[in-house]
């Protein structure tokens, strides 16, 4: 719906010394 804010996406990037852990969450209950 046009009035809906939509889902919330949160992404964190953790440095693993040349590699990266990407933690992704999508939520909001829509």
ModelCIF file with pLDDT and N, C-alpha, C, O atoms, coordinates in Angstrom:
data_MODEL
#
_entry.id   MODEL 
#
_entity.id                         1 
_entity.type                       polymer 
_entity.pdbx_number_of_molecules   1 
#
_entity_poly.entity_id                      1 
_entity_poly.type                           'polypeptide(L)' 
_entity_poly.nstd_linkage                   no 
_entity_poly.nstd_monomer                   no 
_entity_poly.pdbx_seq_one_letter_code       
;(UNK)(UNK)(UNK)(UNK)(UNK)(UNK)(UNK)(UNK)(UNK)(UNK)(UNK)(UNK)(UNK)(UNK)(UNK)(UNK)
(UNK)(UNK)(UNK)(UNK)(UNK)(UNK)(UNK)(UNK)(UNK)(UNK)(UNK)(UNK)(UNK)(UNK)
;
_entity_poly.pdbx_seq_one_letter_code_can   XXXXXXXXXXXXXXXXXXXXXXXXXXXXXX 
_entity_poly.pdbx_strand_id                 A 
#
loop_
_entity_poly_seq.entity_id 
_entity_poly_seq.num 
_entity_poly_seq.mon_id 
_entity_poly_seq.hetero 
1 1  UNK n 
1 2  UNK n 
1 3  UNK n 
1 4  UNK n 
1 5  UNK n 
1 6  UNK n 
1 7  UNK n 
1 8  UNK n 
1 9  UNK n 
1 10 UNK n 
1 11 UNK n 
1 12 UNK n 
1 13 UNK n 
1 14 UNK n 
1 15 UNK n 
1 16 UNK n 
1 17 UNK n 
1 18 UNK n 
1 19 UNK n 
1 20 UNK n 
1 21 UNK n 
1 22 UNK n 
1 23 UNK n 
1 24 UNK n 
1 25 UNK n 
1 26 UNK n 
1 27 UNK n 
1 28 UNK n 
1 29 UNK n 
1 30 UNK n 
#
_struct_asym.id          A 
_struct_asym.entity_id   1 
#
loop_
_ma_qa_metric.id 
_ma_qa_metric.mode 
_ma_qa_metric.name 
_ma_qa_metric.software_group_id 
_ma_qa_metric.type 
1 global pLDDT . pLDDT 
2 local  pLDDT . pLDDT 
#
_ma_qa_metric_global.metric_id      1 
_ma_qa_metric_global.metric_value   92.63 
_ma_qa_metric_global.model_id       1 
_ma_qa_metric_global.ordinal_id     1 
#
loop_
_ma_qa_metric_local.label_asym_id 
_ma_qa_metric_local.label_comp_id 
_ma_qa_metric_local.label_seq_id 
_ma_qa_metric_local.metric_id 
_ma_qa_metric_local.metric_value 
_ma_qa_metric_local.model_id 
_ma_qa_metric_local.ordinal_id 
A UNK 1  2 76.00 1 1  
A UNK 2  2 77.00 1 2  
A UNK 3  2 81.00 1 3  
A UNK 4  2 81.00 1 4  
A UNK 5  2 83.00 1 5  
A UNK 6  2 90.00 1 6  
A UNK 7  2 95.00 1 7  
A UNK 8  2 96.00 1 8  
A UNK 9  2 98.00 1 9  
A UNK 10 2 98.00 1 10 
A UNK 11 2 98.00 1 11 
A UNK 12 2 98.00 1 12 
A UNK 13 2 98.00 1 13 
A UNK 14 2 98.00 1 14 
A UNK 15 2 98.00 1 15 
A UNK 16 2 98.00 1 16 
A UNK 17 2 96.00 1 17 
A UNK 18 2 95.00 1 18 
A UNK 19 2 98.00 1 19 
A UNK 20 2 98.00 1 20 
A UNK 21 2 98.00 1 21 
A UNK 22 2 98.00 1 22 
A UNK 23 2 98.00 1 23 
A UNK 24 2 98.00 1 24 
A UNK 25 2 98.00 1 25 
A UNK 26 2 97.00 1 26 
A UNK 27 2 95.00 1 27 
A UNK 28 2 91.00 1 28 
A UNK 29 2 77.00 1 29 
A UNK 30 2 79.00 1 30 
#
loop_
_atom_site.group_PDB 
_atom_site.id 
_atom_site.type_symbol 
_atom_site.label_atom_id 
_atom_site.label_alt_id 
_atom_site.label_comp_id 
_atom_site.label_asym_id 
_atom_site.label_entity_id 
_atom_site.label_seq_id 
_atom_site.pdbx_PDB_ins_code 
_atom_site.Cartn_x 
_atom_site.Cartn_y 
_atom_site.Cartn_z 
_atom_site.occupancy 
_atom_site.B_iso_or_equiv 
_atom_site.pdbx_formal_charge 
_atom_site.auth_seq_id 
_atom_site.auth_comp_id 
_atom_site.auth_asym_id 
_atom_site.auth_atom_id 
_atom_site.pdbx_PDB_model_num 
ATOM 1   N N  . UNK A 1 1  ? 0.835  -1.205  0.000  1.00 76.00 ? 1  UNK A N  1 
ATOM 2   C CA . UNK A 1 1  ? 0.000  0.000   0.000  1.00 76.00 ? 1  UNK A CA 1 
ATOM 3   C C  . UNK A 1 1  ? 0.873  1.260   0.000  1.00 76.00 ? 1  UNK A C  1 
ATOM 4   O O  . UNK A 1 1  ? 1.943  1.273   0.608  1.00 76.00 ? 1  UNK A O  1 
ATOM 5   N N  . UNK A 1 2  ? 0.426  2.296   -0.667 1.00 77.00 ? 2  UNK A N  1 
ATOM 6   C CA . UNK A 1 2  ? 1.248  3.509   -0.809 1.00 77.00 ? 2  UNK A CA 1 
ATOM 7   C C  . UNK A 1 2  ? 1.587  4.139   0.539  1.00 77.00 ? 2  UNK A C  1 
ATOM 8   O O  . UNK A 1 2  ? 2.643  4.755   0.683  1.00 77.00 ? 2  UNK A O  1 
ATOM 9   N N  . UNK A 1 3  ? 0.703  3.991   1.527  1.00 81.00 ? 3  UNK A N  1 
ATOM 10  C CA . UNK A 1 3  ? 0.969  4.592   2.839  1.00 81.00 ? 3  UNK A CA 1 
ATOM 11  C C  . UNK A 1 3  ? 1.897  3.739   3.704  1.00 81.00 ? 3  UNK A C  1 
ATOM 12  O O  . UNK A 1 3  ? 2.347  4.195   4.755  1.00 81.00 ? 3  UNK A O  1 
ATOM 13  N N  . UNK A 1 4  ? 2.190  2.508   3.278  1.00 81.00 ? 4  UNK A N  1 
ATOM 14  C CA . UNK A 1 4  ? 3.043  1.613   4.061  1.00 81.00 ? 4  UNK A CA 1 
ATOM 15  C C  . UNK A 1 4  ? 4.502  2.042   3.959  1.00 81.00 ? 4  UNK A C  1 
ATOM 16  O O  . UNK A 1 4  ? 4.965  2.434   2.888  1.00 81.00 ? 4  UNK A O  1 
ATOM 17  N N  . UNK A 1 5  ? 5.224  1.970   5.074  1.00 83.00 ? 5  UNK A N  1 
ATOM 18  C CA . UNK A 1 5  ? 6.659  2.289   5.080  1.00 83.00 ? 5  UNK A CA 1 
ATOM 19  C C  . UNK A 1 5  ? 7.452  1.164   4.435  1.00 83.00 ? 5  UNK A C  1 
ATOM 20  O O  . UNK A 1 5  ? 8.555  1.383   3.935  1.00 83.00 ? 5  UNK A O  1 
ATOM 21  N N  . UNK A 1 6  ? 6.892  -0.041  4.446  1.00 90.00 ? 6  UNK A N  1 
ATOM 22  C CA . UNK A 1 6  ? 7.591  -1.200  3.891  1.00 90.00 ? 6  UNK A CA 1 
ATOM 23  C C  . UNK A 1 6  ? 8.313  -1.970  4.974  1.00 90.00 ? 6  UNK A C  1 
ATOM 24  O O  . UNK A 1 6  ? 8.218  -1.661  6.162  1.00 90.00 ? 6  UNK A O  1 
ATOM 25  N N  . UNK A 1 7  ? 9.025  -2.966  4.536  1.00 95.00 ? 7  UNK A N  1 
ATOM 26  C CA . UNK A 1 7  ? 9.829  -3.787  5.425  1.00 95.00 ? 7  UNK A CA 1 
ATOM 27  C C  . UNK A 1 7  ? 11.086 -3.015  5.804  1.00 95.00 ? 7  UNK A C  1 
ATOM 28  O O  . UNK A 1 7  ? 11.501 -2.106  5.086  1.00 95.00 ? 7  UNK A O  1 
ATOM 29  N N  . UNK A 1 8  ? 11.687 -3.375  6.923  1.00 96.00 ? 8  UNK A N  1 
ATOM 30  C CA . UNK A 1 8  ? 12.963 -2.799  7.312  1.00 96.00 ? 8  UNK A CA 1 
ATOM 31  C C  . UNK A 1 8  ? 14.056 -3.826  7.058  1.00 96.00 ? 8  UNK A C  1 
ATOM 32  O O  . UNK A 1 8  ? 13.948 -4.979  7.476  1.00 96.00 ? 8  UNK A O  1 
ATOM 33  N N  . UNK A 1 9  ? 15.102 -3.399  6.374  1.00 98.00 ? 9  UNK A N  1 
ATOM 34  C CA . UNK A 1 9  ? 16.264 -4.236  6.082  1.00 98.00 ? 9  UNK A CA 1 
ATOM 35  C C  . UNK A 1 9  ? 17.433 -3.686  6.888  1.00 98.00 ? 9  UNK A C  1 
ATOM 36  O O  . UNK A 1 9  ? 17.760 -2.502  6.807  1.00 98.00 ? 9  UNK A O  1 
ATOM 37  N N  . UNK A 1 10 ? 18.058 -4.566  7.669  1.00 98.00 ? 10 UNK A N  1 
ATOM 38  C CA . UNK A 1 10 ? 19.247 -4.206  8.444  1.00 98.00 ? 10 UNK A CA 1 
ATOM 39  C C  . UNK A 1 10 ? 20.382 -5.122  7.987  1.00 98.00 ? 10 UNK A C  1 
ATOM 40  O O  . UNK A 1 10 ? 20.245 -6.345  7.965  1.00 98.00 ? 10 UNK A O  1 
ATOM 41  N N  . UNK A 1 11 ? 21.501 -4.500  7.625  1.00 98.00 ? 11 UNK A N  1 
ATOM 42  C CA . UNK A 1 11 ? 22.661 -5.275  7.193  1.00 98.00 ? 11 UNK A CA 1 
ATOM 43  C C  . UNK A 1 11 ? 23.875 -4.781  7.963  1.00 98.00 ? 11 UNK A C  1 
ATOM 44  O O  . UNK A 1 11 ? 24.171 -3.586  7.975  1.00 98.00 ? 11 UNK A O  1 
ATOM 45  N N  . UNK A 1 12 ? 24.576 -5.709  8.607  1.00 98.00 ? 12 UNK A N  1 
ATOM 46  C CA . UNK A 1 12 ? 25.820 -5.362  9.283  1.00 98.00 ? 12 UNK A CA 1 
ATOM 47  C C  . UNK A 1 12 ? 26.959 -6.117  8.615  1.00 98.00 ? 12 UNK A C  1 
ATOM 48  O O  . UNK A 1 12 ? 26.804 -7.253  8.168  1.00 98.00 ? 12 UNK A O  1 
ATOM 49  N N  . UNK A 1 13 ? 28.097 -5.457  8.560  1.00 98.00 ? 13 UNK A N  1 
ATOM 50  C CA . UNK A 1 13 ? 29.277 -5.994  7.889  1.00 98.00 ? 13 UNK A CA 1 
ATOM 51  C C  . UNK A 1 13 ? 30.400 -6.073  8.923  1.00 98.00 ? 13 UNK A C  1 
ATOM 52  O O  . UNK A 1 13 ? 30.845 -5.049  9.443  1.00 98.00 ? 13 UNK A O  1 
ATOM 53  N N  . UNK A 1 14 ? 30.849 -7.277  9.214  1.00 98.00 ? 14 UNK A N  1 
ATOM 54  C CA . UNK A 1 14 ? 31.888 -7.489  10.215 1.00 98.00 ? 14 UNK A CA 1 
ATOM 55  C C  . UNK A 1 14 ? 33.179 -7.897  9.521  1.00 98.00 ? 14 UNK A C  1 
ATOM 56  O O  . UNK A 1 14 ? 33.205 -8.848  8.741  1.00 98.00 ? 14 UNK A O  1 
ATOM 57  N N  . UNK A 1 15 ? 34.250 -7.165  9.814  1.00 98.00 ? 15 UNK A N  1 
ATOM 58  C CA . UNK A 1 15 ? 35.563 -7.427  9.224  1.00 98.00 ? 15 UNK A CA 1 
ATOM 59  C C  . UNK A 1 15 ? 36.147 -8.698  9.827  1.00 98.00 ? 15 UNK A C  1 
ATOM 60  O O  . UNK A 1 15 ? 36.290 -8.822  11.044 1.00 98.00 ? 15 UNK A O  1 
ATOM 61  N N  . UNK A 1 16 ? 36.479 -9.635  8.951  1.00 98.00 ? 16 UNK A N  1 
ATOM 62  C CA . UNK A 1 16 ? 37.093 -10.886 9.391  1.00 98.00 ? 16 UNK A CA 1 
ATOM 63  C C  . UNK A 1 16 ? 38.517 -11.004 8.834  1.00 98.00 ? 16 UNK A C  1 
ATOM 64  O O  . UNK A 1 16 ? 38.977 -12.104 8.527  1.00 98.00 ? 16 UNK A O  1 
ATOM 65  N N  . UNK A 1 17 ? 39.204 -9.880  8.706  1.00 96.00 ? 17 UNK A N  1 
ATOM 66  C CA . UNK A 1 17 ? 40.575 -9.906  8.216  1.00 96.00 ? 17 UNK A CA 1 
ATOM 67  C C  . UNK A 1 17 ? 40.668 -10.326 6.753  1.00 96.00 ? 17 UNK A C  1 
ATOM 68  O O  . UNK A 1 17 ? 41.258 -11.361 6.444  1.00 96.00 ? 17 UNK A O  1 
ATOM 69  N N  . UNK A 1 18 ? 40.102 -9.548  5.867  1.00 95.00 ? 18 UNK A N  1 
ATOM 70  C CA . UNK A 1 18 ? 40.121 -9.862  4.437  1.00 95.00 ? 18 UNK A CA 1 
ATOM 71  C C  . UNK A 1 18 ? 38.848 -10.539 3.954  1.00 95.00 ? 18 UNK A C  1 
ATOM 72  O O  . UNK A 1 18 ? 38.591 -10.605 2.752  1.00 95.00 ? 18 UNK A O  1 
ATOM 73  N N  . UNK A 1 19 ? 38.072 -11.028 4.868  1.00 98.00 ? 19 UNK A N  1 
ATOM 74  C CA . UNK A 1 19 ? 36.754 -11.594 4.570  1.00 98.00 ? 19 UNK A CA 1 
ATOM 75  C C  . UNK A 1 19 ? 35.734 -10.775 5.359  1.00 98.00 ? 19 UNK A C  1 
ATOM 76  O O  . UNK A 1 19 ? 36.096 -10.007 6.250  1.00 98.00 ? 19 UNK A O  1 
ATOM 77  N N  . UNK A 1 20 ? 34.446 -10.949 5.018  1.00 98.00 ? 20 UNK A N  1 
ATOM 78  C CA . UNK A 1 20 ? 33.406 -10.163 5.675  1.00 98.00 ? 20 UNK A CA 1 
ATOM 79  C C  . UNK A 1 20 ? 32.225 -11.043 6.030  1.00 98.00 ? 20 UNK A C  1 
ATOM 80  O O  . UNK A 1 20 ? 31.725 -11.803 5.200  1.00 98.00 ? 20 UNK A O  1 
ATOM 81  N N  . UNK A 1 21 ? 31.787 -10.930 7.272  1.00 98.00 ? 21 UNK A N  1 
ATOM 82  C CA . UNK A 1 21 ? 30.517 -11.548 7.642  1.00 98.00 ? 21 UNK A CA 1 
ATOM 83  C C  . UNK A 1 21 ? 29.431 -10.512 7.402  1.00 98.00 ? 21 UNK A C  1 
ATOM 84  O O  . UNK A 1 21 ? 29.478 -9.409  7.948  1.00 98.00 ? 21 UNK A O  1 
ATOM 85  N N  . UNK A 1 22 ? 28.454 -10.876 6.581  1.00 98.00 ? 22 UNK A N  1 
ATOM 86  C CA . UNK A 1 22 ? 27.320 -10.009 6.287  1.00 98.00 ? 22 UNK A CA 1 
ATOM 87  C C  . UNK A 1 22 ? 26.097 -10.611 6.957  1.00 98.00 ? 22 UNK A C  1 
ATOM 88  O O  . UNK A 1 22 ? 25.640 -11.692 6.586  1.00 98.00 ? 22 UNK A O  1 
ATOM 89  N N  . UNK A 1 23 ? 25.569 -9.896  7.955  1.00 98.00 ? 23 UNK A N  1 
ATOM 90  C CA . UNK A 1 23 ? 24.366 -10.337 8.661  1.00 98.00 ? 23 UNK A CA 1 
ATOM 91  C C  . UNK A 1 23 ? 23.201 -9.489  8.160  1.00 98.00 ? 23 UNK A C  1 
ATOM 92  O O  . UNK A 1 23 ? 23.224 -8.263  8.266  1.00 98.00 ? 23 UNK A O  1 
ATOM 93  N N  . UNK A 1 24 ? 22.192 -10.148 7.619  1.00 98.00 ? 24 UNK A N  1 
ATOM 94  C CA . UNK A 1 24 ? 21.064 -9.494  6.971  1.00 98.00 ? 24 UNK A CA 1 
ATOM 95  C C  . UNK A 1 24 ? 19.780 -9.866  7.704  1.00 98.00 ? 24 UNK A C  1 
ATOM 96  O O  . UNK A 1 24 ? 19.564 -11.029 8.044  1.00 98.00 ? 24 UNK A O  1 
ATOM 97  N N  . UNK A 1 25 ? 18.933 -8.873  7.941  1.00 98.00 ? 25 UNK A N  1 
ATOM 98  C CA . UNK A 1 25 ? 17.609 -9.141  8.507  1.00 98.00 ? 25 UNK A CA 1 
ATOM 99  C C  . UNK A 1 25 ? 16.580 -8.273  7.785  1.00 98.00 ? 25 UNK A C  1 
ATOM 100 O O  . UNK A 1 25 ? 16.769 -7.069  7.614  1.00 98.00 ? 25 UNK A O  1 
ATOM 101 N N  . UNK A 1 26 ? 15.496 -8.910  7.368  1.00 97.00 ? 26 UNK A N  1 
ATOM 102 C CA . UNK A 1 26 ? 14.348 -8.192  6.814  1.00 97.00 ? 26 UNK A CA 1 
ATOM 103 C C  . UNK A 1 26 ? 13.155 -8.514  7.687  1.00 97.00 ? 26 UNK A C  1 
ATOM 104 O O  . UNK A 1 26 ? 12.852 -9.683  7.927  1.00 97.00 ? 26 UNK A O  1 
ATOM 105 N N  . UNK A 1 27 ? 12.480 -7.492  8.160  1.00 95.00 ? 27 UNK A N  1 
ATOM 106 C CA . UNK A 1 27 ? 11.315 -7.712  9.003  1.00 95.00 ? 27 UNK A CA 1 
ATOM 107 C C  . UNK A 1 27 ? 10.420 -6.493  9.030  1.00 95.00 ? 27 UNK A C  1 
ATOM 108 O O  . UNK A 1 27 ? 10.659 -5.492  8.353  1.00 95.00 ? 27 UNK A O  1 
ATOM 109 N N  . UNK A 1 28 ? 9.418  -6.610  9.809  1.00 91.00 ? 28 UNK A N  1 
ATOM 110 C CA . UNK A 1 28 ? 8.463  -5.528  9.929  1.00 91.00 ? 28 UNK A CA 1 
ATOM 111 C C  . UNK A 1 28 ? 7.055  -6.065  10.045 1.00 91.00 ? 28 UNK A C  1 
ATOM 112 O O  . UNK A 1 28 ? 6.122  -5.344  10.398 1.00 91.00 ? 28 UNK A O  1 
ATOM 113 N N  . UNK A 1 29 ? 6.915  -7.356  9.738  1.00 77.00 ? 29 UNK A N  1 
ATOM 114 C CA . UNK A 1 29 ? 5.616  -7.980  9.889  1.00 77.00 ? 29 UNK A CA 1 
ATOM 115 C C  . UNK A 1 29 ? 4.608  -7.630  8.823  1.00 77.00 ? 29 UNK A C  1 
ATOM 116 O O  . UNK A 1 29 ? 3.416  -7.885  8.989  1.00 77.00 ? 29 UNK A O  1 
ATOM 117 N N  . UNK A 1 30 ? 5.071  -7.043  7.717  1.00 79.00 ? 30 UNK A N  1 
ATOM 118 C CA . UNK A 1 30 ? 4.153  -6.677  6.647  1.00 79.00 ? 30 UNK A CA 1 
ATOM 119 C C  . UNK A 1 30 ? 3.863  -7.824  5.688  1.00 79.00 ? 30 UNK A C  1 
ATOM 120 O O  . UNK A 1 30 ? 3.102  -7.655  4.736  1.00 79.00 ? 30 UNK A O  1 
#
